[in-house]
């Protein structure tokens, strides 16, 4: 069963493209990571999926409901955490969740029971009767997730849930998300790759308003990531730079980057690199401290895909600019 489905979903803000022909399918019960750099279109997508914004064209459905129709019943089936959630600081956590539960029609024992349940899920039981104004940033994010869960949603939409949190706050929020696995579909937008690798089953990568990949993390690694050699030396920066520049000119090298005694080399041909690189390292004359062929990371995939997307966008922009110039010259 599909929990979220987008077909040719597009959103323009005047002449600015926020989202371009988004096709996306999220299976029921998944923890889905919606990954992209700032400004890629993540928040625009979530606003469309929650019905807070209307698309320019295309369609989307969440929990089986068409979100473009302004369906109130659909809103009762989803939970939503904004990137910067707002609370009444004078309320306690328990009072706030009781207030939200009443908005969803919960009353009496059902309301009290549900408030206790979401407080437990968010690990806020001991702080339930403290004023929200005294909560840490991480506690407020967990309260936001509890608020989004009060109506037992089929789909939970989280917009940058770990943004601006310290390491402990991130850990606590990610633990809550892990706890929800199998209970509800979680759609989590973020630009933090480590968070996606930790909690997500599948991932969609968006850049410049377009989806550039969607698959499991392992499938993305196998399909897109190039082999990475990490080599550390005891050497001066000038020596490192000379070696990196020399390697960069080799046809079997995709890129070579030197920084603080460490060289990262991305190989186009792994078999050839295994044979050719060690003699070149020895010939450099520098003291070798560490030599390793690392497993491709999600970061490597992300950099590869978003760099390719940026180059495509720049090429399209250059082409469009050239066409406009040609047309202007023709008019003259």
C-alpha atoms as a PDB file:
ATOM      1  CA  UNK A   1       0.000   0.000   0.000  1.00  0.00           C
ATOM      2  CA  UNK A   2       1.194   3.524  -0.806  1.00  0.00           C
ATOM      3  CA  UNK A   3       1.018   6.086   2.001  1.00  0.00           C
ATOM      4  CA  UNK A   4       2.162   9.099  -0.057  1.00  0.00           C
ATOM      5  CA  UNK A   5       1.936   9.484  -3.810  1.00  0.00           C
ATOM      6  CA  UNK A   6       2.973  12.540  -5.857  1.00  0.00           C
ATOM      7  CA  UNK A   7       2.467  12.726  -9.623  1.00  0.00           C
ATOM      8  CA  UNK A   8       3.969  15.584 -11.604  1.00  0.00           C
ATOM      9  CA  UNK A   9       3.573  17.819  -8.527  1.00  0.00           C
ATOM     10  CA  UNK A  10       4.649  21.367  -9.353  1.00  0.00           C
ATOM     11  CA  UNK A  11       4.659  24.620  -7.400  1.00  0.00           C
ATOM     12  CA  UNK A  12       5.626  28.033  -8.760  1.00  0.00           C
ATOM     13  CA  UNK A  13       5.911  31.232  -6.741  1.00  0.00           C
ATOM     14  CA  UNK A  14       5.539  33.756  -9.519  1.00  0.00           C
ATOM     15  CA  UNK A  15       8.576  33.187 -11.721  1.00  0.00           C
ATOM     16  CA  UNK A  16      10.366  31.151  -9.036  1.00  0.00           C
ATOM     17  CA  UNK A  17      10.129  27.350  -9.277  1.00  0.00           C
ATOM     18  CA  UNK A  18       9.674  25.840  -5.817  1.00  0.00           C
ATOM     19  CA  UNK A  19       8.960  22.325  -7.040  1.00  0.00           C
ATOM     20  CA  UNK A  20       9.170  20.883 -10.544  1.00  0.00           C
ATOM     21  CA  UNK A  21       7.267  17.767 -11.694  1.00  0.00           C
ATOM     22  CA  UNK A  22       7.784  15.781  -8.477  1.00  0.00           C
ATOM     23  CA  UNK A  23       7.043  12.053  -8.772  1.00  0.00           C
ATOM     24  CA  UNK A  24       7.287  10.289  -5.432  1.00  0.00           C
ATOM     25  CA  UNK A  25       5.956   7.108  -3.852  1.00  0.00           C
ATOM     26  CA  UNK A  26       6.307   6.291  -0.142  1.00  0.00           C
ATOM     27  CA  UNK A  27       5.201   2.818   1.032  1.00  0.00           C
ATOM     28  CA  UNK A  28       2.957   2.376   4.044  1.00  0.00           C
ATOM     29  CA  UNK A  29       4.857   1.988   7.331  1.00  0.00           C
ATOM     30  CA  UNK A  30       8.178   3.304   6.004  1.00  0.00           C
ATOM     31  CA  UNK A  31      10.504   5.766   7.688  1.00  0.00           C
ATOM     32  CA  UNK A  32      11.257   7.865   4.626  1.00  0.00           C
ATOM     33  CA  UNK A  33      14.080  10.401   4.502  1.00  0.00           C
ATOM     34  CA  UNK A  34      13.460  13.373   2.209  1.00  0.00           C
ATOM     35  CA  UNK A  35      16.970  14.660   1.753  1.00  0.00           C
ATOM     36  CA  UNK A  36      18.224  17.807   0.088  1.00  0.00           C
ATOM     37  CA  UNK A  37      20.242  21.000   0.570  1.00  0.00           C
ATOM     38  CA  UNK A  38      18.617  24.125   1.979  1.00  0.00           C
ATOM     39  CA  UNK A  39      16.267  25.652  -0.587  1.00  0.00           C
ATOM     40  CA  UNK A  40      15.883  22.395  -2.539  1.00  0.00           C
ATOM     41  CA  UNK A  41      12.081  22.240  -2.159  1.00  0.00           C
ATOM     42  CA  UNK A  42      11.639  20.093   0.963  1.00  0.00           C
ATOM     43  CA  UNK A  43       9.406  22.472   2.920  1.00  0.00           C
ATOM     44  CA  UNK A  44       7.407  23.326  -0.221  1.00  0.00           C
ATOM     45  CA  UNK A  45       6.686  19.605  -0.678  1.00  0.00           C
ATOM     46  CA  UNK A  46       5.539  19.166   2.921  1.00  0.00           C
ATOM     47  CA  UNK A  47       3.265  22.218   2.730  1.00  0.00           C
ATOM     48  CA  UNK A  48       1.648  20.724  -0.371  1.00  0.00           C
ATOM     49  CA  UNK A  49       1.246  17.320   1.302  1.00  0.00           C
ATOM     50  CA  UNK A  50      -0.408  18.852   4.369  1.00  0.00           C
ATOM     51  CA  UNK A  51      -2.773  20.988   2.297  1.00  0.00           C
ATOM     52  CA  UNK A  52      -1.240  24.210   3.636  1.00  0.00           C
ATOM     53  CA  UNK A  53      -0.381  25.164   0.053  1.00  0.00           C
ATOM     54  CA  UNK A  54      -1.980  24.387  -3.315  1.00  0.00           C
ATOM     55  CA  UNK A  55       0.068  23.083  -6.249  1.00  0.00           C
ATOM     56  CA  UNK A  56       0.389  24.939  -9.521  1.00  0.00           C
ATOM     57  CA  UNK A  57      -0.170  21.614 -11.301  1.00  0.00           C
ATOM     58  CA  UNK A  58      -0.025  17.881 -10.656  1.00  0.00           C
ATOM     59  CA  UNK A  59      -1.603  15.933  -7.828  1.00  0.00           C
ATOM     60  CA  UNK A  60      -0.747  14.256  -4.544  1.00  0.00           C
ATOM     61  CA  UNK A  61      -2.463  11.874  -2.142  1.00  0.00           C
ATOM     62  CA  UNK A  62      -1.710  11.153   1.504  1.00  0.00           C
ATOM     63  CA  UNK A  63      -3.252   8.198   3.369  1.00  0.00           C
ATOM     64  CA  UNK A  64      -5.499   7.632   0.350  1.00  0.00           C
ATOM     65  CA  UNK A  65      -6.877  11.178   0.249  1.00  0.00           C
ATOM     66  CA  UNK A  66      -6.351  13.757  -2.493  1.00  0.00           C
ATOM     67  CA  UNK A  67      -4.551  16.631  -0.764  1.00  0.00           C
ATOM     68  CA  UNK A  68      -5.267  19.094  -3.550  1.00  0.00           C
ATOM     69  CA  UNK A  69      -9.004  19.027  -2.785  1.00  0.00           C
ATOM     70  CA  UNK A  70      -8.745  20.649   0.661  1.00  0.00           C
ATOM     71  CA  UNK A  71     -10.142  17.490   2.285  1.00  0.00           C
ATOM     72  CA  UNK A  72     -10.753  18.024   6.024  1.00  0.00           C
ATOM     73  CA  UNK A  73     -10.982  14.270   6.622  1.00  0.00           C
ATOM     74  CA  UNK A  74      -7.453  13.887   5.238  1.00  0.00           C
ATOM     75  CA  UNK A  75      -6.126  16.372   7.798  1.00  0.00           C
ATOM     76  CA  UNK A  76      -7.543  14.220  10.581  1.00  0.00           C
ATOM     77  CA  UNK A  77      -5.431  11.299   9.309  1.00  0.00           C
ATOM     78  CA  UNK A  78      -2.054  13.039   9.285  1.00  0.00           C
ATOM     79  CA  UNK A  79       0.311  14.546  11.848  1.00  0.00           C
ATOM     80  CA  UNK A  80       2.586  17.485  11.104  1.00  0.00           C
ATOM     81  CA  UNK A  81       5.614  18.991  12.837  1.00  0.00           C
ATOM     82  CA  UNK A  82       6.743  22.327  11.406  1.00  0.00           C
ATOM     83  CA  UNK A  83      10.436  23.194  11.249  1.00  0.00           C
ATOM     84  CA  UNK A  84       9.958  25.778  14.006  1.00  0.00           C
ATOM     85  CA  UNK A  85       6.916  24.672  16.051  1.00  0.00           C
ATOM     86  CA  UNK A  86       5.193  27.275  18.232  1.00  0.00           C
ATOM     87  CA  UNK A  87       3.754  26.605  21.688  1.00  0.00           C
ATOM     88  CA  UNK A  88       2.034  28.484  24.486  1.00  0.00           C
ATOM     89  CA  UNK A  89       4.947  28.817  26.905  1.00  0.00           C
ATOM     90  CA  UNK A  90       2.685  29.365  29.915  1.00  0.00           C
ATOM     91  CA  UNK A  91       1.026  25.956  29.423  1.00  0.00           C
ATOM     92  CA  UNK A  92       2.455  22.710  30.750  1.00  0.00           C
ATOM     93  CA  UNK A  93       3.207  19.947  28.267  1.00  0.00           C
ATOM     94  CA  UNK A  94       0.206  17.983  29.533  1.00  0.00           C
ATOM     95  CA  UNK A  95      -2.117  20.992  29.218  1.00  0.00           C
ATOM     96  CA  UNK A  96      -0.977  21.691  25.666  1.00  0.00           C
ATOM     97  CA  UNK A  97      -1.512  18.102  24.523  1.00  0.00           C
ATOM     98  CA  UNK A  98      -4.929  18.031  26.219  1.00  0.00           C
ATOM     99  CA  UNK A  99      -5.840  21.232  24.348  1.00  0.00           C
ATOM    100  CA  UNK A 100      -4.729  19.723  21.017  1.00  0.00           C
ATOM    101  CA  UNK A 101      -6.577  16.475  21.745  1.00  0.00           C
ATOM    102  CA  UNK A 102      -9.804  18.383  22.297  1.00  0.00           C
ATOM    103  CA  UNK A 103      -9.377  20.075  18.914  1.00  0.00           C
ATOM    104  CA  UNK A 104      -9.388  16.569  17.418  1.00  0.00           C
ATOM    105  CA  UNK A 105     -12.587  15.692  19.284  1.00  0.00           C
ATOM    106  CA  UNK A 106     -11.100  13.570  22.078  1.00  0.00           C
ATOM    107  CA  UNK A 107     -12.866  13.739  25.436  1.00  0.00           C
ATOM    108  CA  UNK A 108     -12.824  12.254  28.928  1.00  0.00           C
ATOM    109  CA  UNK A 109     -10.943   9.032  29.529  1.00  0.00           C
ATOM    110  CA  UNK A 110      -9.961   8.614  25.854  1.00  0.00           C
ATOM    111  CA  UNK A 111      -8.308  12.032  25.903  1.00  0.00           C
ATOM    112  CA  UNK A 112      -6.442  11.438  29.178  1.00  0.00           C
ATOM    113  CA  UNK A 113      -5.256   8.019  27.992  1.00  0.00           C
ATOM    114  CA  UNK A 114      -4.014   9.362  24.646  1.00  0.00           C
ATOM    115  CA  UNK A 115      -2.157  12.243  26.311  1.00  0.00           C
ATOM    116  CA  UNK A 116      -0.368   9.763  28.597  1.00  0.00           C
ATOM    117  CA  UNK A 117       0.518   7.568  25.606  1.00  0.00           C
ATOM    118  CA  UNK A 118       2.110  10.329  23.519  1.00  0.00           C
ATOM    119  CA  UNK A 119       3.945  11.727  26.547  1.00  0.00           C
ATOM    120  CA  UNK A 120       5.466   8.273  27.023  1.00  0.00           C
ATOM    121  CA  UNK A 121       6.385   7.950  23.328  1.00  0.00           C
ATOM    122  CA  UNK A 122       8.116  11.354  23.453  1.00  0.00           C
ATOM    123  CA  UNK A 123       9.765  10.521  26.801  1.00  0.00           C
ATOM    124  CA  UNK A 124       8.224  13.610  28.419  1.00  0.00           C
ATOM    125  CA  UNK A 125       6.391  11.945  31.294  1.00  0.00           C
ATOM    126  CA  UNK A 126       8.563  13.474  34.062  1.00  0.00           C
ATOM    127  CA  UNK A 127       8.241  16.946  32.462  1.00  0.00           C
ATOM    128  CA  UNK A 128       4.507  16.709  31.710  1.00  0.00           C
ATOM    129  CA  UNK A 129       3.511  19.250  34.372  1.00  0.00           C
ATOM    130  CA  UNK A 130       6.337  21.685  33.795  1.00  0.00           C
ATOM    131  CA  UNK A 131       5.745  24.894  31.826  1.00  0.00           C
ATOM    132  CA  UNK A 132       6.748  24.598  28.182  1.00  0.00           C
ATOM    133  CA  UNK A 133       8.624  27.890  28.470  1.00  0.00           C
ATOM    134  CA  UNK A 134      11.194  26.035  30.569  1.00  0.00           C
ATOM    135  CA  UNK A 135      11.687  23.170  28.114  1.00  0.00           C
ATOM    136  CA  UNK A 136      14.964  22.730  26.217  1.00  0.00           C
ATOM    137  CA  UNK A 137      14.948  22.897  22.397  1.00  0.00           C
ATOM    138  CA  UNK A 138      15.080  19.107  22.205  1.00  0.00           C
ATOM    139  CA  UNK A 139      12.172  18.742  24.630  1.00  0.00           C
ATOM    140  CA  UNK A 140      10.092  21.178  22.566  1.00  0.00           C
ATOM    141  CA  UNK A 141      10.814  19.159  19.408  1.00  0.00           C
ATOM    142  CA  UNK A 142       9.718  15.969  21.165  1.00  0.00           C
ATOM    143  CA  UNK A 143       6.606  17.764  22.408  1.00  0.00           C
ATOM    144  CA  UNK A 144       5.977  18.755  18.795  1.00  0.00           C
ATOM    145  CA  UNK A 145       6.138  15.106  17.746  1.00  0.00           C
ATOM    146  CA  UNK A 146       3.780  14.172  20.610  1.00  0.00           C
ATOM    147  CA  UNK A 147       1.380  16.891  19.433  1.00  0.00           C
ATOM    148  CA  UNK A 148       1.558  15.521  15.863  1.00  0.00           C
ATOM    149  CA  UNK A 149       0.753  12.009  17.144  1.00  0.00           C
ATOM    150  CA  UNK A 150      -2.222  12.904  19.355  1.00  0.00           C
ATOM    151  CA  UNK A 151      -4.774  11.946  16.666  1.00  0.00           C
ATOM    152  CA  UNK A 152      -3.051   8.602  15.890  1.00  0.00           C
ATOM    153  CA  UNK A 153      -2.173   9.625  12.325  1.00  0.00           C
ATOM    154  CA  UNK A 154      -1.604   7.215   9.456  1.00  0.00           C
ATOM    155  CA  UNK A 155       1.146   9.492   8.129  1.00  0.00           C
ATOM    156  CA  UNK A 156       3.496  11.685  10.155  1.00  0.00           C
ATOM    157  CA  UNK A 157       5.178  14.586   8.309  1.00  0.00           C
ATOM    158  CA  UNK A 158       8.272  16.034   9.999  1.00  0.00           C
ATOM    159  CA  UNK A 159       9.950  19.134   8.571  1.00  0.00           C
ATOM    160  CA  UNK A 160      13.629  19.262   9.650  1.00  0.00           C
ATOM    161  CA  UNK A 161      12.887  17.689  13.084  1.00  0.00           C
ATOM    162  CA  UNK A 162      16.535  17.824  14.218  1.00  0.00           C
ATOM    163  CA  UNK A 163      17.396  21.268  12.853  1.00  0.00           C
ATOM    164  CA  UNK A 164      19.495  23.404  15.259  1.00  0.00           C
ATOM    165  CA  UNK A 165      19.497  20.734  17.978  1.00  0.00           C
ATOM    166  CA  UNK A 166      22.601  19.876  19.974  1.00  0.00           C
ATOM    167  CA  UNK A 167      23.909  16.271  19.778  1.00  0.00           C
ATOM    168  CA  UNK A 168      21.888  15.132  22.805  1.00  0.00           C
ATOM    169  CA  UNK A 169      18.702  16.749  21.494  1.00  0.00           C
ATOM    170  CA  UNK A 170      19.197  15.099  18.089  1.00  0.00           C
ATOM    171  CA  UNK A 171      19.767  11.726  19.719  1.00  0.00           C
ATOM    172  CA  UNK A 172      16.544  12.027  21.735  1.00  0.00           C
ATOM    173  CA  UNK A 173      14.424  13.066  18.746  1.00  0.00           C
ATOM    174  CA  UNK A 174      15.855  10.296  16.538  1.00  0.00           C
ATOM    175  CA  UNK A 175      15.089   7.736  19.251  1.00  0.00           C
ATOM    176  CA  UNK A 176      11.453   8.862  19.213  1.00  0.00           C
ATOM    177  CA  UNK A 177      11.341   8.481  15.410  1.00  0.00           C
ATOM    178  CA  UNK A 178      12.908   5.009  15.637  1.00  0.00           C
ATOM    179  CA  UNK A 179      10.262   4.038  18.177  1.00  0.00           C
ATOM    180  CA  UNK A 180       7.552   4.882  15.612  1.00  0.00           C
ATOM    181  CA  UNK A 181       8.884   2.404  13.030  1.00  0.00           C
ATOM    182  CA  UNK A 182       6.081   0.070  11.957  1.00  0.00           C
ATOM    183  CA  UNK A 183       3.419   2.069  13.826  1.00  0.00           C
ATOM    184  CA  UNK A 184       2.923   4.872  11.323  1.00  0.00           C
ATOM    185  CA  UNK A 185       4.455   6.121   8.079  1.00  0.00           C
ATOM    186  CA  UNK A 186       7.106   8.750   8.835  1.00  0.00           C
ATOM    187  CA  UNK A 187       8.079  11.275   6.150  1.00  0.00           C
ATOM    188  CA  UNK A 188      11.078  13.211   7.451  1.00  0.00           C
ATOM    189  CA  UNK A 189      12.672  16.075   5.540  1.00  0.00           C
ATOM    190  CA  UNK A 190      16.250  16.955   6.471  1.00  0.00           C
ATOM    191  CA  UNK A 191      19.633  18.060   5.175  1.00  0.00           C
ATOM    192  CA  UNK A 192      21.486  16.062   7.874  1.00  0.00           C
ATOM    193  CA  UNK A 193      22.792  12.915   6.193  1.00  0.00           C
ATOM    194  CA  UNK A 194      23.782  11.118   9.396  1.00  0.00           C
ATOM    195  CA  UNK A 195      20.184  11.298  10.664  1.00  0.00           C
ATOM    196  CA  UNK A 196      18.874   9.705   7.471  1.00  0.00           C
ATOM    197  CA  UNK A 197      21.444   6.892   7.641  1.00  0.00           C
ATOM    198  CA  UNK A 198      20.490   6.190  11.244  1.00  0.00           C
ATOM    199  CA  UNK A 199      16.682   5.971  11.083  1.00  0.00           C
ATOM    200  CA  UNK A 200      15.415   5.806   7.489  1.00  0.00           C
ATOM    201  CA  UNK A 201      14.484   2.757   5.411  1.00  0.00           C
ATOM    202  CA  UNK A 202      14.413   4.572   2.089  1.00  0.00           C
ATOM    203  CA  UNK A 203      15.433   8.000   0.914  1.00  0.00           C
ATOM    204  CA  UNK A 204      14.496  10.485  -1.777  1.00  0.00           C
ATOM    205  CA  UNK A 205      17.051  13.112  -2.766  1.00  0.00           C
ATOM    206  CA  UNK A 206      15.717  16.427  -4.039  1.00  0.00           C
ATOM    207  CA  UNK A 207      17.710  19.280  -5.552  1.00  0.00           C
ATOM    208  CA  UNK A 208      16.590  22.469  -7.302  1.00  0.00           C
ATOM    209  CA  UNK A 209      12.951  21.389  -6.930  1.00  0.00           C
ATOM    210  CA  UNK A 210      13.434  18.024  -8.650  1.00  0.00           C
ATOM    211  CA  UNK A 211      13.826  14.447  -7.394  1.00  0.00           C
ATOM    212  CA  UNK A 212      17.226  13.157  -8.490  1.00  0.00           C
ATOM    213  CA  UNK A 213      17.029   9.704  -6.826  1.00  0.00           C
ATOM    214  CA  UNK A 214      14.755   7.509  -4.729  1.00  0.00           C
ATOM    215  CA  UNK A 215      15.754   4.101  -3.342  1.00  0.00           C
ATOM    216  CA  UNK A 216      17.011   2.328  -0.245  1.00  0.00           C
ATOM    217  CA  UNK A 217      20.285   3.680   1.132  1.00  0.00           C
ATOM    218  CA  UNK A 218      22.154   0.510   0.162  1.00  0.00           C
ATOM    219  CA  UNK A 219      20.778   0.625  -3.374  1.00  0.00           C
ATOM    220  CA  UNK A 220      21.864   4.258  -3.725  1.00  0.00           C
ATOM    221  CA  UNK A 221      25.359   3.404  -2.516  1.00  0.00           C
ATOM    222  CA  UNK A 222      25.671   0.555  -4.982  1.00  0.00           C
ATOM    223  CA  UNK A 223      24.308   2.536  -7.905  1.00  0.00           C
ATOM    224  CA  UNK A 224      25.805   6.005  -7.502  1.00  0.00           C
ATOM    225  CA  UNK A 225      28.729   6.083  -5.101  1.00  0.00           C
ATOM    226  CA  UNK A 226      32.251   5.825  -6.509  1.00  0.00           C
ATOM    227  CA  UNK A 227      35.058   4.090  -4.571  1.00  0.00           C
ATOM    228  CA  UNK A 228      36.892   6.394  -2.143  1.00  0.00           C
ATOM    229  CA  UNK A 229      40.527   5.973  -1.076  1.00  0.00           C
ATOM    230  CA  UNK A 230      41.507   7.755   2.138  1.00  0.00           C
ATOM    231  CA  UNK A 231      45.259   8.257   2.519  1.00  0.00           C
ATOM    232  CA  UNK A 232      47.003  10.079   5.368  1.00  0.00           C
ATOM    233  CA  UNK A 233      50.577  11.378   5.280  1.00  0.00           C
ATOM    234  CA  UNK A 234      53.062  13.099   7.529  1.00  0.00           C
ATOM    235  CA  UNK A 235      53.852  15.842   5.037  1.00  0.00           C
ATOM    236  CA  UNK A 236      53.760  19.559   4.337  1.00  0.00           C
ATOM    237  CA  UNK A 237      50.602  21.009   2.697  1.00  0.00           C
ATOM    238  CA  UNK A 238      52.635  21.907  -0.394  1.00  0.00           C
ATOM    239  CA  UNK A 239      53.652  18.263  -0.902  1.00  0.00           C
ATOM    240  CA  UNK A 240      50.062  17.124  -0.457  1.00  0.00           C
ATOM    241  CA  UNK A 241      48.890  19.668  -3.007  1.00  0.00           C
ATOM    242  CA  UNK A 242      51.463  18.513  -5.573  1.00  0.00           C
ATOM    243  CA  UNK A 243      50.370  14.875  -5.203  1.00  0.00           C
ATOM    244  CA  UNK A 244      46.669  15.769  -5.392  1.00  0.00           C
ATOM    245  CA  UNK A 245      47.201  17.807  -8.554  1.00  0.00           C
ATOM    246  CA  UNK A 246      49.198  14.992 -10.139  1.00  0.00           C
ATOM    247  CA  UNK A 247      46.522  12.420  -9.317  1.00  0.00           C
ATOM    248  CA  UNK A 248      43.747  14.709 -10.518  1.00  0.00           C
ATOM    249  CA  UNK A 249      45.211  14.569 -14.024  1.00  0.00           C
ATOM    250  CA  UNK A 250      44.978  10.759 -14.189  1.00  0.00           C
ATOM    251  CA  UNK A 251      42.102   9.471 -16.366  1.00  0.00           C
ATOM    252  CA  UNK A 252      41.100   6.847 -13.773  1.00  0.00           C
ATOM    253  CA  UNK A 253      40.644   9.510 -11.047  1.00  0.00           C
ATOM    254  CA  UNK A 254      37.287  11.282 -10.704  1.00  0.00           C
ATOM    255  CA  UNK A 255      38.651  13.750  -8.113  1.00  0.00           C
ATOM    256  CA  UNK A 256      41.437  14.080  -5.559  1.00  0.00           C
ATOM    257  CA  UNK A 257      41.144  16.399  -2.562  1.00  0.00           C
ATOM    258  CA  UNK A 258      43.943  17.147  -0.073  1.00  0.00           C
ATOM    259  CA  UNK A 259      43.294  18.676   3.354  1.00  0.00           C
ATOM    260  CA  UNK A 260      45.295  18.668   6.611  1.00  0.00           C
ATOM    261  CA  UNK A 261      47.482  15.682   5.769  1.00  0.00           C
ATOM    262  CA  UNK A 262      44.617  13.636   4.353  1.00  0.00           C
ATOM    263  CA  UNK A 263      43.952  12.809   0.714  1.00  0.00           C
ATOM    264  CA  UNK A 264      40.511  11.639  -0.488  1.00  0.00           C
ATOM    265  CA  UNK A 265      40.574  10.110  -3.946  1.00  0.00           C
ATOM    266  CA  UNK A 266      37.426   9.158  -5.886  1.00  0.00           C
ATOM    267  CA  UNK A 267      38.235   6.504  -8.497  1.00  0.00           C
ATOM    268  CA  UNK A 268      36.448   5.922 -11.793  1.00  0.00           C
ATOM    269  CA  UNK A 269      38.088   2.515 -12.276  1.00  0.00           C
ATOM    270  CA  UNK A 270      38.471   0.625  -8.979  1.00  0.00           C
ATOM    271  CA  UNK A 271      40.520  -2.296 -10.343  1.00  0.00           C
ATOM    272  CA  UNK A 272      42.988   0.019 -12.059  1.00  0.00           C
ATOM    273  CA  UNK A 273      43.191   2.275  -8.991  1.00  0.00           C
ATOM    274  CA  UNK A 274      44.065  -0.670  -6.738  1.00  0.00           C
ATOM    275  CA  UNK A 275      47.074  -1.471  -8.937  1.00  0.00           C
ATOM    276  CA  UNK A 276      48.240   2.029  -9.823  1.00  0.00           C
ATOM    277  CA  UNK A 277      47.724   4.108  -6.693  1.00  0.00           C
ATOM    278  CA  UNK A 278      50.121   2.359  -4.223  1.00  0.00           C
ATOM    279  CA  UNK A 279      53.225   2.848  -6.433  1.00  0.00           C
ATOM    280  CA  UNK A 280      52.323   6.521  -6.896  1.00  0.00           C
ATOM    281  CA  UNK A 281      51.968   6.944  -3.123  1.00  0.00           C
ATOM    282  CA  UNK A 282      55.391   5.348  -2.558  1.00  0.00           C
ATOM    283  CA  UNK A 283      56.968   7.451  -5.302  1.00  0.00           C
ATOM    284  CA  UNK A 284      55.737  10.648  -3.589  1.00  0.00           C
ATOM    285  CA  UNK A 285      58.427  10.168  -0.921  1.00  0.00           C
ATOM    286  CA  UNK A 286      56.050  11.247   1.868  1.00  0.00           C
ATOM    287  CA  UNK A 287      55.667   9.270   5.105  1.00  0.00           C
ATOM    288  CA  UNK A 288      52.513   7.170   4.853  1.00  0.00           C
ATOM    289  CA  UNK A 289      50.392   6.988   8.025  1.00  0.00           C
ATOM    290  CA  UNK A 290      47.161   5.429   6.793  1.00  0.00           C
ATOM    291  CA  UNK A 291      45.819   3.886   3.568  1.00  0.00           C
ATOM    292  CA  UNK A 292      42.223   2.715   3.249  1.00  0.00           C
ATOM    293  CA  UNK A 293      39.573   1.970   0.640  1.00  0.00           C
ATOM    294  CA  UNK A 294      36.363   3.062   2.345  1.00  0.00           C
ATOM    295  CA  UNK A 295      32.813   1.877   1.786  1.00  0.00           C
ATOM    296  CA  UNK A 296      30.755   4.494  -0.070  1.00  0.00           C
ATOM    297  CA  UNK A 297      28.712   6.678   2.284  1.00  0.00           C
ATOM    298  CA  UNK A 298      25.386   8.407   1.786  1.00  0.00           C
ATOM    299  CA  UNK A 299      27.357  11.653   1.791  1.00  0.00           C
ATOM    300  CA  UNK A 300      29.312  10.482  -1.267  1.00  0.00           C
ATOM    301  CA  UNK A 301      26.022   9.679  -3.042  1.00  0.00           C
ATOM    302  CA  UNK A 302      24.491  13.000  -2.020  1.00  0.00           C
ATOM    303  CA  UNK A 303      27.480  15.029  -3.228  1.00  0.00           C
ATOM    304  CA  UNK A 304      27.565  13.096  -6.498  1.00  0.00           C
ATOM    305  CA  UNK A 305      23.864  13.545  -7.237  1.00  0.00           C
ATOM    306  CA  UNK A 306      23.460  17.156  -6.160  1.00  0.00           C
ATOM    307  CA  UNK A 307      26.644  18.159  -7.985  1.00  0.00           C
ATOM    308  CA  UNK A 308      25.318  16.535 -11.147  1.00  0.00           C
ATOM    309  CA  UNK A 309      21.973  18.276 -10.636  1.00  0.00           C
ATOM    310  CA  UNK A 310      23.675  21.638 -10.160  1.00  0.00           C
ATOM    311  CA  UNK A 311      25.685  21.152 -13.357  1.00  0.00           C
ATOM    312  CA  UNK A 312      22.524  20.226 -15.288  1.00  0.00           C
ATOM    313  CA  UNK A 313      20.694  23.285 -13.944  1.00  0.00           C
ATOM    314  CA  UNK A 314      23.624  25.552 -14.762  1.00  0.00           C
ATOM    315  CA  UNK A 315      23.813  24.089 -18.273  1.00  0.00           C
ATOM    316  CA  UNK A 316      20.095  24.639 -18.791  1.00  0.00           C
ATOM    317  CA  UNK A 317      20.372  28.197 -17.486  1.00  0.00           C
ATOM    318  CA  UNK A 318      23.314  28.916 -19.794  1.00  0.00           C
ATOM    319  CA  UNK A 319      21.444  27.429 -22.742  1.00  0.00           C
ATOM    320  CA  UNK A 320      18.336  29.489 -21.972  1.00  0.00           C
ATOM    321  CA  UNK A 321      20.420  32.635 -21.575  1.00  0.00           C
ATOM    322  CA  UNK A 322      22.127  31.967 -24.919  1.00  0.00           C
ATOM    323  CA  UNK A 323      18.774  31.457 -26.633  1.00  0.00           C
ATOM    324  CA  UNK A 324      17.476  34.725 -25.177  1.00  0.00           C
ATOM    325  CA  UNK A 325      20.576  36.557 -26.406  1.00  0.00           C
ATOM    326  CA  UNK A 326      20.207  35.057 -29.892  1.00  0.00           C
ATOM    327  CA  UNK A 327      16.553  36.082 -29.980  1.00  0.00           C
ATOM    328  CA  UNK A 328      17.421  39.628 -28.890  1.00  0.00           C
ATOM    329  CA  UNK A 329      20.074  39.891 -31.620  1.00  0.00           C
ATOM    330  CA  UNK A 330      17.579  38.603 -34.191  1.00  0.00           C
ATOM    331  CA  UNK A 331      15.061  41.293 -33.190  1.00  0.00           C
ATOM    332  CA  UNK A 332      17.745  43.966 -33.684  1.00  0.00           C
END
